[in-house]
Structure formats: structure tokens, C-alpha cells
Amino acid sequence: MSPSLEKILSEIEQLTPQEQLTVMGHLVERIKKHINQAQPKRKWNDLKGMAPYPLLGEDAQEWVSRTRQEGDEHRERLLRGEE
């Protein structure tokens, strides 16, 4: 740890809890701005065509139908007290 960081941390320890929260809030906002600038937001259209069709070998409608059926079966088992 650098001497300047040690000094800053020592000074922060002398602040009231409310002042320490203010320091933390300031740091969080700075980091958020840095992260948002470093990572440009992607558009969904940029992802178009990246995944092979059918994804994982299953047609989308088949997947929807299968997961709905599984959900229905799970709810039925819960209602009957089997799980």
C-alpha cells in the first residue's frame, strides 16, 4: 500500500460514520462512471446471427412448449404435495 493511500485511509478513519458513507458514495459514483465509459453498451442487433440456429439443437417453439409443459408438471406436483 502506498504511503499516500495509507494517509488517506487514516484520515477517513477519523471521519464520522456519516462522513465515511459520503466518501464511499463519492467513490462508488466515480467507479460507476468509469465502468460505463469503459464498456460501451451493445445493441441487440449487434448480436444478431452470432448464435447457431437452432440454438443448442432445439427449435425455439419446441423449447417454449417443453418448458411450459415442465412448469405445468412441476406446479401439479407441488399442488399434490409430492415435492
C-alpha atoms as a PDB file:
ATOM      1  CA  MET A   1       0.000   0.000   0.000  1.00  0.00           C
ATOM      2  CA  SER A   2       1.362   3.375  -0.965  1.00  0.00           C
ATOM      3  CA  PRO A   3       2.076   5.979   1.723  1.00  0.00           C
ATOM      4  CA  SER A   4      -0.463   8.373   0.216  1.00  0.00           C
ATOM      5  CA  LEU A   5      -3.183   5.685   0.334  1.00  0.00           C
ATOM      6  CA  GLU A   6      -2.293   4.878   3.946  1.00  0.00           C
ATOM      7  CA  LYS A   7      -2.609   8.580   4.780  1.00  0.00           C
ATOM      8  CA  ILE A   8      -6.000   8.859   3.074  1.00  0.00           C
ATOM      9  CA  LEU A   9      -7.327   5.756   4.831  1.00  0.00           C
ATOM     10  CA  SER A  10      -6.067   7.050   8.156  1.00  0.00           C
ATOM     11  CA  GLU A  11      -7.873  10.336   7.595  1.00  0.00           C
ATOM     12  CA  ILE A  12     -11.069   8.530   6.570  1.00  0.00           C
ATOM     13  CA  GLU A  13     -10.984   6.569   9.839  1.00  0.00           C
ATOM     14  CA  GLN A  14     -11.135   9.875  11.715  1.00  0.00           C
ATOM     15  CA  LEU A  15     -14.383  10.892   9.988  1.00  0.00           C
ATOM     16  CA  THR A  16     -17.829  10.293  11.420  1.00  0.00           C
ATOM     17  CA  PRO A  17     -19.738   7.285  10.077  1.00  0.00           C
ATOM     18  CA  GLN A  18     -21.958   9.635   8.043  1.00  0.00           C
ATOM     19  CA  GLU A  19     -18.919  11.321   6.508  1.00  0.00           C
ATOM     20  CA  GLN A  20     -17.410   7.908   5.732  1.00  0.00           C
ATOM     21  CA  LEU A  21     -20.636   6.982   3.909  1.00  0.00           C
ATOM     22  CA  THR A  22     -20.347  10.199   1.920  1.00  0.00           C
ATOM     23  CA  VAL A  23     -16.801   9.258   0.901  1.00  0.00           C
ATOM     24  CA  MET A  24     -17.989   5.779  -0.086  1.00  0.00           C
ATOM     25  CA  GLY A  25     -20.855   7.214  -2.130  1.00  0.00           C
ATOM     26  CA  HIS A  26     -18.472   9.524  -3.938  1.00  0.00           C
ATOM     27  CA  LEU A  27     -16.137   6.636  -4.767  1.00  0.00           C
ATOM     28  CA  VAL A  28     -18.984   4.416  -5.960  1.00  0.00           C
ATOM     29  CA  GLU A  29     -20.222   7.134  -8.332  1.00  0.00           C
ATOM     30  CA  ARG A  30     -16.716   7.659  -9.728  1.00  0.00           C
ATOM     31  CA  ILE A  31     -16.293   3.933 -10.319  1.00  0.00           C
ATOM     32  CA  LYS A  32     -19.737   3.689 -11.974  1.00  0.00           C
ATOM     33  CA  LYS A  33     -18.810   6.480 -14.393  1.00  0.00           C
ATOM     34  CA  HIS A  34     -15.503   4.786 -15.176  1.00  0.00           C
ATOM     35  CA  ILE A  35     -17.163   1.414 -15.803  1.00  0.00           C
ATOM     36  CA  ASN A  36     -19.871   2.942 -18.006  1.00  0.00           C
ATOM     37  CA  GLN A  37     -17.276   4.766 -20.094  1.00  0.00           C
ATOM     38  CA  ALA A  38     -15.032   1.718 -20.401  1.00  0.00           C
ATOM     39  CA  GLN A  39     -17.784  -0.626 -21.617  1.00  0.00           C
ATOM     40  CA  PRO A  40     -19.866   0.689 -24.482  1.00  0.00           C
ATOM     41  CA  LYS A  41     -23.416  -0.605 -24.461  1.00  0.00           C
ATOM     42  CA  ARG A  42     -24.201  -3.194 -27.095  1.00  0.00           C
ATOM     43  CA  LYS A  43     -27.323  -3.199 -29.175  1.00  0.00           C
ATOM     44  CA  TRP A  44     -29.321  -6.389 -29.618  1.00  0.00           C
ATOM     45  CA  ASN A  45     -28.891  -6.068 -33.373  1.00  0.00           C
ATOM     46  CA  ASP A  46     -25.122  -6.408 -32.888  1.00  0.00           C
ATOM     47  CA  LEU A  47     -25.715  -9.926 -31.568  1.00  0.00           C
ATOM     48  CA  LYS A  48     -27.926 -10.986 -34.465  1.00  0.00           C
ATOM     49  CA  GLY A  49     -26.585 -14.065 -36.194  1.00  0.00           C
ATOM     50  CA  MET A  50     -23.924 -14.877 -33.589  1.00  0.00           C
ATOM     51  CA  ALA A  51     -25.642 -17.993 -32.242  1.00  0.00           C
ATOM     52  CA  PRO A  52     -26.138 -21.015 -34.464  1.00  0.00           C
ATOM     53  CA  TYR A  53     -29.701 -21.991 -35.321  1.00  0.00           C
ATOM     54  CA  PRO A  54     -31.267 -23.853 -33.748  1.00  0.00           C
ATOM     55  CA  LEU A  55     -29.518 -22.811 -30.564  1.00  0.00           C
ATOM     56  CA  LEU A  56     -28.359 -25.907 -28.704  1.00  0.00           C
ATOM     57  CA  GLY A  57     -30.075 -28.055 -31.314  1.00  0.00           C
ATOM     58  CA  GLU A  58     -33.632 -27.183 -30.269  1.00  0.00           C
ATOM     59  CA  ASP A  59     -36.213 -25.150 -32.151  1.00  0.00           C
ATOM     60  CA  ALA A  60     -37.422 -22.081 -30.236  1.00  0.00           C
ATOM     61  CA  GLN A  61     -41.091 -23.070 -30.339  1.00  0.00           C
ATOM     62  CA  GLU A  62     -40.256 -26.598 -29.188  1.00  0.00           C
ATOM     63  CA  TRP A  63     -38.261 -25.131 -26.294  1.00  0.00           C
ATOM     64  CA  VAL A  64     -41.163 -22.857 -25.282  1.00  0.00           C
ATOM     65  CA  SER A  65     -43.640 -25.733 -25.430  1.00  0.00           C
ATOM     66  CA  ARG A  66     -41.334 -28.071 -23.489  1.00  0.00           C
ATOM     67  CA  THR A  67     -40.566 -25.569 -20.720  1.00  0.00           C
ATOM     68  CA  ARG A  68     -44.256 -24.700 -20.353  1.00  0.00           C
ATOM     69  CA  GLN A  69     -45.096 -28.390 -20.050  1.00  0.00           C
ATOM     70  CA  GLU A  70     -42.326 -28.881 -17.464  1.00  0.00           C
ATOM     71  CA  GLY A  71     -43.609 -25.892 -15.494  1.00  0.00           C
ATOM     72  CA  ASP A  72     -47.164 -27.230 -15.570  1.00  0.00           C
ATOM     73  CA  GLU A  73     -45.991 -30.642 -14.363  1.00  0.00           C
ATOM     74  CA  HIS A  74     -43.935 -29.070 -11.577  1.00  0.00           C
ATOM     75  CA  ARG A  75     -46.898 -26.980 -10.370  1.00  0.00           C
ATOM     76  CA  GLU A  76     -49.145 -30.050 -10.430  1.00  0.00           C
ATOM     77  CA  ARG A  77     -46.652 -31.989  -8.277  1.00  0.00           C
ATOM     78  CA  LEU A  78     -46.480 -29.084  -5.834  1.00  0.00           C
ATOM     79  CA  LEU A  79     -50.260 -28.926  -5.581  1.00  0.00           C
ATOM     80  CA  ARG A  80     -50.430 -32.668  -4.917  1.00  0.00           C
ATOM     81  CA  GLY A  81     -47.722 -32.300  -2.255  1.00  0.00           C
ATOM     82  CA  GLU A  82     -45.238 -34.581  -3.997  1.00  0.00           C
ATOM     83  CA  GLU A  83     -42.335 -32.129  -3.690  1.00  0.00           C
END
